[in-house]
PDB file of all heavy atoms in Angstrom:
ATOM      1  N   PRO A   1    -224.920  54.131 -96.128  1.00  0.00           N
ATOM      2  CA  PRO A   1    -225.977  54.729 -97.013  1.00  0.00           C
ATOM      3  C   PRO A   1    -226.977  53.643 -97.413  1.00  0.00           C
ATOM      4  O   PRO A   1    -226.665  52.494 -97.640  1.00  0.00           O
ATOM      5  CB  PRO A   1    -225.173  55.154 -98.263  1.00  0.00           C
ATOM      6  CG  PRO A   1    -223.913  54.298 -98.240  1.00  0.00           C
ATOM      7  CD  PRO A   1    -223.607  53.974 -96.794  1.00  0.00           C
ATOM      8  N   ALA A   2    -228.239  54.044 -97.440  1.00  0.00           N
ATOM      9  CA  ALA A   2    -229.317  53.138 -97.784  1.00  0.00           C
ATOM     10  C   ALA A   2    -229.188  52.736 -99.222  1.00  0.00           C
ATOM     11  O   ALA A   2    -228.861  53.520-100.110  1.00  0.00           O
ATOM     12  CB  ALA A   2    -230.672  53.821 -97.575  1.00  0.00           C
ATOM     13  N   PRO A   3    -229.389  51.420 -99.524  1.00  0.00           N
ATOM     14  CA  PRO A   3    -229.304  50.980-100.886  1.00  0.00           C
ATOM     15  C   PRO A   3    -230.572  51.443-101.690  1.00  0.00           C
ATOM     16  O   PRO A   3    -231.554  51.821-101.119  1.00  0.00           O
ATOM     17  CB  PRO A   3    -229.273  49.462-100.749  1.00  0.00           C
ATOM     18  CG  PRO A   3    -229.877  49.162 -99.471  1.00  0.00           C
ATOM     19  CD  PRO A   3    -229.597  50.344 -98.577  1.00  0.00           C
ATOM     20  N   GLU A   4    -230.554  51.218-103.000  1.00  0.00           N
ATOM     21  CA  GLU A   4    -231.730  51.513-103.857  1.00  0.00           C
ATOM     22  C   GLU A   4    -232.889  50.644-103.463  1.00  0.00           C
ATOM     23  O   GLU A   4    -232.729  49.487-103.076  1.00  0.00           O
ATOM     24  CB  GLU A   4    -231.356  51.230-105.328  1.00  0.00           C
ATOM     25  CG  GLU A   4    -230.422  52.184-105.942  1.00  0.00           C
ATOM     26  CD  GLU A   4    -231.069  53.503-106.272  1.00  0.00           C
ATOM     27  OE1 GLU A   4    -232.261  53.578-106.523  1.00  0.00           O
ATOM     28  OE2 GLU A   4    -230.329  54.555-106.205  1.00  0.00           O
ATOM     29  N   GLY A   5    -234.074  51.208-103.560  1.00  0.00           N
ATOM     30  CA  GLY A   5    -235.302  50.419-103.362  1.00  0.00           C
ATOM     31  C   GLY A   5    -235.463  49.875-101.948  1.00  0.00           C
ATOM     32  O   GLY A   5    -235.972  48.799-101.786  1.00  0.00           O
ATOM     33  N   PHE A   6    -235.071  50.650-100.984  1.00  0.00           N
ATOM     34  CA  PHE A   6    -235.172  50.185 -99.526  1.00  0.00           C
ATOM     35  C   PHE A   6    -236.469  50.597 -98.945  1.00  0.00           C
ATOM     36  O   PHE A   6    -236.572  51.502 -98.172  1.00  0.00           O
ATOM     37  CB  PHE A   6    -233.957  50.739 -98.766  1.00  0.00           C
ATOM     38  CG  PHE A   6    -233.620  50.010 -97.518  1.00  0.00           C
ATOM     39  CD1 PHE A   6    -233.014  48.782 -97.575  1.00  0.00           C
ATOM     40  CD2 PHE A   6    -233.902  50.501 -96.277  1.00  0.00           C
ATOM     41  CE1 PHE A   6    -232.716  48.062 -96.420  1.00  0.00           C
ATOM     42  CE2 PHE A   6    -233.595  49.861 -95.138  1.00  0.00           C
ATOM     43  CZ  PHE A   6    -233.002  48.586 -95.198  1.00  0.00           C
ATOM     44  N   GLY A   7    -237.513  49.907 -99.406  1.00  0.00           N
ATOM     45  CA  GLY A   7    -238.856  50.219 -98.914  1.00  0.00           C
ATOM     46  C   GLY A   7    -239.877  49.664 -99.881  1.00  0.00           C
ATOM     47  O   GLY A   7    -239.665  48.669-100.624  1.00  0.00           O
ATOM     48  N   ILE A   8    -241.090  50.257 -99.872  1.00  0.00           N
ATOM     49  CA  ILE A   8    -242.129  49.883-100.761  1.00  0.00           C
ATOM     50  C   ILE A   8    -242.469  51.100-101.627  1.00  0.00           C
ATOM     51  O   ILE A   8    -241.909  52.178-101.464  1.00  0.00           O
ATOM     52  CB  ILE A   8    -243.407  49.413 -99.941  1.00  0.00           C
ATOM     53  CG1 ILE A   8    -243.839  50.448 -98.959  1.00  0.00           C
ATOM     54  CG2 ILE A   8    -243.098  48.102 -99.260  1.00  0.00           C
ATOM     55  CD1 ILE A   8    -245.089  50.075 -98.165  1.00  0.00           C
ATOM     56  N   GLU A   9    -243.420  50.916-102.537  1.00  0.00           N
ATOM     57  CA  GLU A   9    -243.692  51.994-103.538  1.00  0.00           C
ATOM     58  C   GLU A   9    -244.125  53.303-102.855  1.00  0.00           C
ATOM     59  O   GLU A   9    -243.766  54.379-103.342  1.00  0.00           O
ATOM     60  CB  GLU A   9    -244.785  51.552-104.502  1.00  0.00           C
ATOM     61  CG  GLU A   9    -244.289  50.539-105.497  1.00  0.00           C
ATOM     62  CD  GLU A   9    -245.336  50.207-106.509  1.00  0.00           C
ATOM     63  OE1 GLU A   9    -246.310  51.006-106.731  1.00  0.00           O
ATOM     64  OE2 GLU A   9    -245.245  49.130-107.093  1.00  0.00           O
ATOM     65  N   VAL A  10    -244.939  53.224-101.818  1.00  0.00           N
ATOM     66  CA  VAL A  10    -245.469  54.509-101.250  1.00  0.00           C
ATOM     67  C   VAL A  10    -244.572  55.113-100.208  1.00  0.00           C
ATOM     68  O   VAL A  10    -244.720  56.292 -99.882  1.00  0.00           O
ATOM     69  CB  VAL A  10    -246.905  54.256-100.640  1.00  0.00           C
ATOM     70  CG1 VAL A  10    -247.880  54.038-101.755  1.00  0.00           C
ATOM     71  CG2 VAL A  10    -246.896  53.145 -99.652  1.00  0.00           C
ATOM     72  N   ILE A  11    -243.646  54.369 -99.627  1.00  0.00           N
ATOM     73  CA  ILE A  11    -242.724  54.911 -98.613  1.00  0.00           C
ATOM     74  C   ILE A  11    -241.465  54.026 -98.540  1.00  0.00           C
ATOM     75  O   ILE A  11    -241.517  52.807 -98.606  1.00  0.00           O
ATOM     76  CB  ILE A  11    -243.408  54.968 -97.194  1.00  0.00           C
ATOM     77  CG1 ILE A  11    -242.548  55.738 -96.209  1.00  0.00           C
ATOM     78  CG2 ILE A  11    -243.784  53.607 -96.684  1.00  0.00           C
ATOM     79  CD1 ILE A  11    -243.263  56.150 -94.972  1.00  0.00           C
ATOM     80  N   ALA A  12    -240.303  54.749 -98.536  1.00  0.00           N
ATOM     81  CA  ALA A  12    -239.021  54.051 -98.520  1.00  0.00           C
ATOM     82  C   ALA A  12    -237.972  54.983 -97.919  1.00  0.00           C
ATOM     83  O   ALA A  12    -238.159  56.209 -97.858  1.00  0.00           O
ATOM     84  CB  ALA A  12    -238.636  53.658 -99.929  1.00  0.00           C
ATOM     85  N   VAL A  13    -236.834  54.390 -97.532  1.00  0.00           N
ATOM     86  CA  VAL A  13    -235.661  55.138 -97.165  1.00  0.00           C
ATOM     87  C   VAL A  13    -234.983  55.531 -98.457  1.00  0.00           C
ATOM     88  O   VAL A  13    -234.600  54.622 -99.226  1.00  0.00           O
ATOM     89  CB  VAL A  13    -234.725  54.374 -96.235  1.00  0.00           C
ATOM     90  CG1 VAL A  13    -233.490  55.193 -95.916  1.00  0.00           C
ATOM     91  CG2 VAL A  13    -235.435  53.899 -94.969  1.00  0.00           C
ATOM     92  N   PRO A  14    -234.891  56.819 -98.771  1.00  0.00           N
ATOM     93  CA  PRO A  14    -234.261  57.205-100.057  1.00  0.00           C
ATOM     94  C   PRO A  14    -232.809  56.682-100.160  1.00  0.00           C
ATOM     95  O   PRO A  14    -232.107  56.666 -99.170  1.00  0.00           O
ATOM     96  CB  PRO A  14    -234.306  58.738 -99.999  1.00  0.00           C
ATOM     97  CG  PRO A  14    -235.330  59.084 -99.041  1.00  0.00           C
ATOM     98  CD  PRO A  14    -235.328  57.977 -98.030  1.00  0.00           C
ATOM     99  N   ALA A  15    -232.417  56.293-101.362  1.00  0.00           N
ATOM    100  CA  ALA A  15    -231.100  55.767-101.590  1.00  0.00           C
ATOM    101  C   ALA A  15    -230.073  56.804-101.184  1.00  0.00           C
ATOM    102  O   ALA A  15    -230.219  57.976-101.471  1.00  0.00           O
ATOM    103  CB  ALA A  15    -230.928  55.427-103.071  1.00  0.00           C
ATOM    104  N   GLY A  16    -229.106  56.324-100.455  1.00  0.00           N
ATOM    105  CA  GLY A  16    -227.987  57.227-100.007  1.00  0.00           C
ATOM    106  C   GLY A  16    -228.252  57.863 -98.633  1.00  0.00           C
ATOM    107  O   GLY A  16    -227.342  58.351 -98.003  1.00  0.00           O
ATOM    108  N   GLU A  17    -229.485  57.836 -98.172  1.00  0.00           N
ATOM    109  CA  GLU A  17    -229.772  58.394 -96.830  1.00  0.00           C
ATOM    110  C   GLU A  17    -229.178  57.508 -95.765  1.00  0.00           C
ATOM    111  O   GLU A  17    -229.033  56.251 -96.000  1.00  0.00           O
ATOM    112  CB  GLU A  17    -231.264  58.514 -96.603  1.00  0.00           C
ATOM    113  CG  GLU A  17    -231.906  59.638 -97.406  1.00  0.00           C
ATOM    114  CD  GLU A  17    -231.353  61.008 -97.063  1.00  0.00           C
ATOM    115  OE1 GLU A  17    -231.375  61.360 -95.872  1.00  0.00           O
ATOM    116  OE2 GLU A  17    -230.869  61.702 -97.980  1.00  0.00           O
ATOM    117  N   PRO A  18    -228.781  58.022 -94.607  1.00  0.00           N
ATOM    118  CA  PRO A  18    -228.061  57.200 -93.615  1.00  0.00           C
ATOM    119  C   PRO A  18    -228.925  56.149 -92.958  1.00  0.00           C
ATOM    120  O   PRO A  18    -230.069  56.428 -92.586  1.00  0.00           O
ATOM    121  CB  PRO A  18    -227.570  58.258 -92.583  1.00  0.00           C
ATOM    122  CG  PRO A  18    -228.493  59.420 -92.783  1.00  0.00           C
ATOM    123  CD  PRO A  18    -228.963  59.408 -94.211  1.00  0.00           C
ATOM    124  N   LEU A  19    -228.345  54.995 -92.826  1.00  0.00           N
ATOM    125  CA  LEU A  19    -228.852  53.920 -91.967  1.00  0.00           C
ATOM    126  C   LEU A  19    -227.939  53.827 -90.739  1.00  0.00           C
ATOM    127  O   LEU A  19    -226.710  53.650 -90.925  1.00  0.00           O
ATOM    128  CB  LEU A  19    -228.820  52.574 -92.697  1.00  0.00           C
ATOM    129  CG  LEU A  19    -229.671  52.388 -93.956  1.00  0.00           C
ATOM    130  CD1 LEU A  19    -229.435  51.025 -94.555  1.00  0.00           C
ATOM    131  CD2 LEU A  19    -231.140  52.569 -93.644  1.00  0.00           C
ATOM    132  N   GLU A  20    -228.471  54.057 -89.572  1.00  0.00           N
ATOM    133  CA  GLU A  20    -227.670  54.022 -88.333  1.00  0.00           C
ATOM    134  C   GLU A  20    -227.692  52.562 -87.848  1.00  0.00           C
ATOM    135  O   GLU A  20    -228.750  52.040 -87.446  1.00  0.00           O
ATOM    136  CB  GLU A  20    -228.204  54.963 -87.273  1.00  0.00           C
ATOM    137  CG  GLU A  20    -228.194  56.399 -87.724  1.00  0.00           C
ATOM    138  CD  GLU A  20    -226.827  56.928 -88.040  1.00  0.00           C
ATOM    139  OE1 GLU A  20    -225.824  56.501 -87.401  1.00  0.00           O
ATOM    140  OE2 GLU A  20    -226.727  57.848 -88.852  1.00  0.00           O
ATOM    141  N   LEU A  21    -226.543  51.897 -87.867  1.00  0.00           N
ATOM    142  CA  LEU A  21    -226.457  50.478 -87.447  1.00  0.00           C
ATOM    143  C   LEU A  21    -225.728  50.314 -86.175  1.00  0.00           C
ATOM    144  O   LEU A  21    -224.688  50.928 -85.941  1.00  0.00           O
ATOM    145  CB  LEU A  21    -225.721  49.673 -88.548  1.00  0.00           C
ATOM    146  CG  LEU A  21    -226.260  49.739 -89.958  1.00  0.00           C
ATOM    147  CD1 LEU A  21    -225.311  49.059 -90.944  1.00  0.00           C
ATOM    148  CD2 LEU A  21    -227.621  49.048 -90.011  1.00  0.00           C
ATOM    149  N   SER A  22    -226.293  49.449 -85.331  1.00  0.00           N
ATOM    150  CA  SER A  22    -225.655  48.979 -84.118  1.00  0.00           C
ATOM    151  C   SER A  22    -225.644  47.440 -84.253  1.00  0.00           C
ATOM    152  O   SER A  22    -226.708  46.851 -84.193  1.00  0.00           O
ATOM    153  CB  SER A  22    -226.404  49.446 -82.912  1.00  0.00           C
ATOM    154  OG  SER A  22    -225.779  48.917 -81.716  1.00  0.00           O
ATOM    155  N   VAL A  23    -224.447  46.893 -84.526  1.00  0.00           N
ATOM    156  CA  VAL A  23    -224.374  45.483 -84.882  1.00  0.00           C
ATOM    157  C   VAL A  23    -223.505  44.692 -83.859  1.00  0.00           C
ATOM    158  O   VAL A  23    -222.456  45.195 -83.397  1.00  0.00           O
ATOM    159  CB  VAL A  23    -223.715  45.340 -86.282  1.00  0.00           C
ATOM    160  CG1 VAL A  23    -223.595  43.863 -86.715  1.00  0.00           C
ATOM    161  CG2 VAL A  23    -224.545  46.108 -87.327  1.00  0.00           C
ATOM    162  N   ARG A  24    -224.013  43.516 -83.521  1.00  0.00           N
ATOM    163  CA  ARG A  24    -223.210  42.590 -82.703  1.00  0.00           C
ATOM    164  C   ARG A  24    -223.071  41.289 -83.529  1.00  0.00           C
ATOM    165  O   ARG A  24    -224.041  40.697 -83.990  1.00  0.00           O
ATOM    166  CB  ARG A  24    -223.961  42.267 -81.403  1.00  0.00           C
ATOM    167  CG  ARG A  24    -223.110  41.383 -80.476  1.00  0.00           C
ATOM    168  CD  ARG A  24    -223.829  41.077 -79.211  1.00  0.00           C
ATOM    169  NE  ARG A  24    -224.901  40.177 -79.461  1.00  0.00           N
ATOM    170  CZ  ARG A  24    -225.961  39.968 -78.674  1.00  0.00           C
ATOM    171  NH1 ARG A  24    -226.061  40.686 -77.616  1.00  0.00           N
ATOM    172  NH2 ARG A  24    -226.918  39.140 -78.991  1.00  0.00           N
ATOM    173  N   LEU A  25    -221.785  40.913 -83.741  1.00  0.00           N
ATOM    174  CA  LEU A  25    -221.464  39.670 -84.433  1.00  0.00           C
ATOM    175  C   LEU A  25    -220.911  38.693 -83.397  1.00  0.00           C
ATOM    176  O   LEU A  25    -219.962  38.992 -82.696  1.00  0.00           O
ATOM    177  CB  LEU A  25    -220.396  39.909 -85.488  1.00  0.00           C
ATOM    178  CG  LEU A  25    -220.731  40.928 -86.606  1.00  0.00           C
ATOM    179  CD1 LEU A  25    -219.573  41.159 -87.534  1.00  0.00           C
ATOM    180  CD2 LEU A  25    -222.039  40.497 -87.332  1.00  0.00           C
ATOM    181  N   GLU A  26    -221.536  37.502 -83.334  1.00  0.00           N
ATOM    182  CA  GLU A  26    -221.169  36.520 -82.334  1.00  0.00           C
ATOM    183  C   GLU A  26    -220.873  35.201 -83.032  1.00  0.00           C
ATOM    184  O   GLU A  26    -221.679  34.711 -83.798  1.00  0.00           O
ATOM    185  CB  GLU A  26    -222.282  36.325 -81.344  1.00  0.00           C
ATOM    186  CG  GLU A  26    -221.973  35.421 -80.207  1.00  0.00           C
ATOM    187  CD  GLU A  26    -223.049  35.359 -79.178  1.00  0.00           C
ATOM    188  OE1 GLU A  26    -224.075  36.100 -79.340  1.00  0.00           O
ATOM    189  OE2 GLU A  26    -222.941  34.581 -78.264  1.00  0.00           O
ATOM    190  N   SER A  27    -219.680  34.642 -82.774  1.00  0.00           N
ATOM    191  CA  SER A  27    -219.346  33.378 -83.360  1.00  0.00           C
ATOM    192  C   SER A  27    -220.072  32.256 -82.602  1.00  0.00           C
ATOM    193  O   SER A  27    -220.035  32.200 -81.400  1.00  0.00           O
ATOM    194  CB  SER A  27    -217.787  33.175 -83.269  1.00  0.00           C
ATOM    195  OG  SER A  27    -217.447  31.949 -83.828  1.00  0.00           O
ATOM    196  N   VAL A  28    -220.720  31.387 -83.366  1.00  0.00           N
ATOM    197  CA  VAL A  28    -221.432  30.190 -82.811  1.00  0.00           C
ATOM    198  C   VAL A  28    -220.903  29.015 -83.613  1.00  0.00           C
ATOM    199  O   VAL A  28    -220.243  29.125 -84.649  1.00  0.00           O
ATOM    200  CB  VAL A  28    -222.900  30.379 -82.863  1.00  0.00           C
ATOM    201  CG1 VAL A  28    -223.436  31.476 -81.995  1.00  0.00           C
ATOM    202  CG2 VAL A  28    -223.433  30.590 -84.303  1.00  0.00           C
ATOM    203  N   MET A  29    -221.307  27.796 -83.208  1.00  0.00           N
ATOM    204  CA  MET A  29    -220.804  26.572 -83.884  1.00  0.00           C
ATOM    205  C   MET A  29    -221.168  26.567 -85.360  1.00  0.00           C
ATOM    206  O   MET A  29    -220.346  26.174 -86.194  1.00  0.00           O
ATOM    207  CB  MET A  29    -221.424  25.373 -83.192  1.00  0.00           C
ATOM    208  CG  MET A  29    -220.890  25.099 -81.787  1.00  0.00           C
ATOM    209  SD  MET A  29    -219.142  24.783 -81.723  1.00  0.00           S
ATOM    210  CE  MET A  29    -219.069  23.208 -82.516  1.00  0.00           C
ATOM    211  N   GLU A  30    -222.375  27.026 -85.727  1.00  0.00           N
ATOM    212  CA  GLU A  30    -222.821  26.946 -87.080  1.00  0.00           C
ATOM    213  C   GLU A  30    -222.353  28.059 -87.956  1.00  0.00           C
ATOM    214  O   GLU A  30    -222.337  27.940 -89.217  1.00  0.00           O
ATOM    215  CB  GLU A  30    -224.363  26.913 -87.147  1.00  0.00           C
ATOM    216  CG  GLU A  30    -225.034  25.771 -86.448  1.00  0.00           C
ATOM    217  CD  GLU A  30    -225.116  25.972 -84.910  1.00  0.00           C
ATOM    218  OE1 GLU A  30    -224.971  27.138 -84.479  1.00  0.00           O
ATOM    219  OE2 GLU A  30    -225.293  25.013 -84.205  1.00  0.00           O
ATOM    220  N   GLY A  31    -221.964  29.182 -87.383  1.00  0.00           N
ATOM    221  CA  GLY A  31    -221.514  30.322 -88.154  1.00  0.00           C
ATOM    222  C   GLY A  31    -221.437  31.597 -87.351  1.00  0.00           C
ATOM    223  O   GLY A  31    -220.872  31.538 -86.254  1.00  0.00           O
ATOM    224  N   VAL A  32    -221.978  32.638 -87.855  1.00  0.00           N
ATOM    225  CA  VAL A  32    -221.940  33.971 -87.136  1.00  0.00           C
ATOM    226  C   VAL A  32    -223.372  34.486 -87.000  1.00  0.00           C
ATOM    227  O   VAL A  32    -224.133  34.545 -87.944  1.00  0.00           O
ATOM    228  CB  VAL A  32    -221.079  34.995 -87.930  1.00  0.00           C
ATOM    229  CG1 VAL A  32    -221.175  36.363 -87.279  1.00  0.00           C
ATOM    230  CG2 VAL A  32    -219.649  34.552 -88.024  1.00  0.00           C
ATOM    231  N   LEU A  33    -223.714  34.752 -85.740  1.00  0.00           N
ATOM    232  CA  LEU A  33    -225.033  35.327 -85.427  1.00  0.00           C
ATOM    233  C   LEU A  33    -224.885  36.829 -85.436  1.00  0.00           C
ATOM    234  O   LEU A  33    -224.145  37.395 -84.621  1.00  0.00           O
ATOM    235  CB  LEU A  33    -225.504  34.812 -84.077  1.00  0.00           C
ATOM    236  CG  LEU A  33    -226.911  35.277 -83.627  1.00  0.00           C
ATOM    237  CD1 LEU A  33    -227.954  34.742 -84.580  1.00  0.00           C
ATOM    238  CD2 LEU A  33    -227.201  34.898 -82.203  1.00  0.00           C
ATOM    239  N   ALA A  34    -225.589  37.459 -86.364  1.00  0.00           N
ATOM    240  CA  ALA A  34    -225.596  38.929 -86.465  1.00  0.00           C
ATOM    241  C   ALA A  34    -226.926  39.440 -85.881  1.00  0.00           C
ATOM    242  O   ALA A  34    -227.966  38.992 -86.240  1.00  0.00           O
ATOM    243  CB  ALA A  34    -225.442  39.359 -87.896  1.00  0.00           C
ATOM    244  N   SER A  35    -226.769  40.397 -84.959  1.00  0.00           N
ATOM    245  CA  SER A  35    -228.010  40.951 -84.383  1.00  0.00           C
ATOM    246  C   SER A  35    -227.743  42.421 -84.086  1.00  0.00           C
ATOM    247  O   SER A  35    -226.580  42.871 -84.104  1.00  0.00           O
ATOM    248  CB  SER A  35    -228.428  40.231 -83.111  1.00  0.00           C
ATOM    249  OG  SER A  35    -227.356  40.249 -82.138  1.00  0.00           O
ATOM    250  N   GLY A  36    -228.818  43.157 -83.889  1.00  0.00           N
ATOM    251  CA  GLY A  36    -228.650  44.549 -83.583  1.00  0.00           C
ATOM    252  C   GLY A  36    -229.871  45.355 -83.954  1.00  0.00           C
ATOM    253  O   GLY A  36    -230.976  44.851 -84.019  1.00  0.00           O
ATOM    254  N   THR A  37    -229.618  46.655 -84.214  1.00  0.00           N
ATOM    255  CA  THR A  37    -230.761  47.560 -84.571  1.00  0.00           C
ATOM    256  C   THR A  37    -230.298  48.408 -85.778  1.00  0.00           C
ATOM    257  O   THR A  37    -229.147  48.660 -86.030  1.00  0.00           O
ATOM    258  CB  THR A  37    -231.118  48.534 -83.407  1.00  0.00           C
ATOM    259  OG1 THR A  37    -229.932  49.303 -83.059  1.00  0.00           O
ATOM    260  CG2 THR A  37    -231.573  47.772 -82.211  1.00  0.00           C
ATOM    261  N   VAL A  38    -231.343  48.860 -86.521  1.00  0.00           N
ATOM    262  CA  VAL A  38    -231.152  49.761 -87.632  1.00  0.00           C
ATOM    263  C   VAL A  38    -232.092  50.946 -87.457  1.00  0.00           C
ATOM    264  O   VAL A  38    -233.296  50.667 -87.155  1.00  0.00           O
ATOM    265  CB  VAL A  38    -231.311  49.027 -89.015  1.00  0.00           C
ATOM    266  CG1 VAL A  38    -232.689  48.394 -89.126  1.00  0.00           C
ATOM    267  CG2 VAL A  38    -231.061  50.033 -90.136  1.00  0.00           C
ATOM    268  N   GLY A  39    -231.618  52.103 -87.635  1.00  0.00           N
ATOM    269  CA  GLY A  39    -232.440  53.337 -87.532  1.00  0.00           C
ATOM    270  C   GLY A  39    -232.326  54.134 -88.773  1.00  0.00           C
ATOM    271  O   GLY A  39    -231.242  54.173 -89.408  1.00  0.00           O
ATOM    272  N   ALA A  40    -233.446  54.701 -89.242  1.00  0.00           N
ATOM    273  CA  ALA A  40    -233.436  55.502 -90.464  1.00  0.00           C
ATOM    274  C   ALA A  40    -234.717  56.328 -90.476  1.00  0.00           C
ATOM    275  O   ALA A  40    -235.588  56.196 -89.599  1.00  0.00           O
ATOM    276  CB  ALA A  40    -233.295  54.633 -91.666  1.00  0.00           C
ATOM    277  N   VAL A  41    -234.865  57.158 -91.525  1.00  0.00           N
ATOM    278  CA  VAL A  41    -236.113  57.881 -91.730  1.00  0.00           C
ATOM    279  C   VAL A  41    -236.591  57.575 -93.143  1.00  0.00           C
ATOM    280  O   VAL A  41    -235.876  57.772 -94.101  1.00  0.00           O
ATOM    281  CB  VAL A  41    -235.890  59.412 -91.579  1.00  0.00           C
ATOM    282  CG1 VAL A  41    -237.150  60.166 -91.960  1.00  0.00           C
ATOM    283  CG2 VAL A  41    -235.386  59.791 -90.179  1.00  0.00           C
TER     284      VAL A  41
END
């Protein structure tokens, strides 16, 4: 679910609306590299 205030004053993803996440977590020497895509309306 989208968190509160996910956008700007004139346009935003309403709180609770779905965020479609495709996430890749990769371990590297310094930490974890998170990458992917987010889709919403």
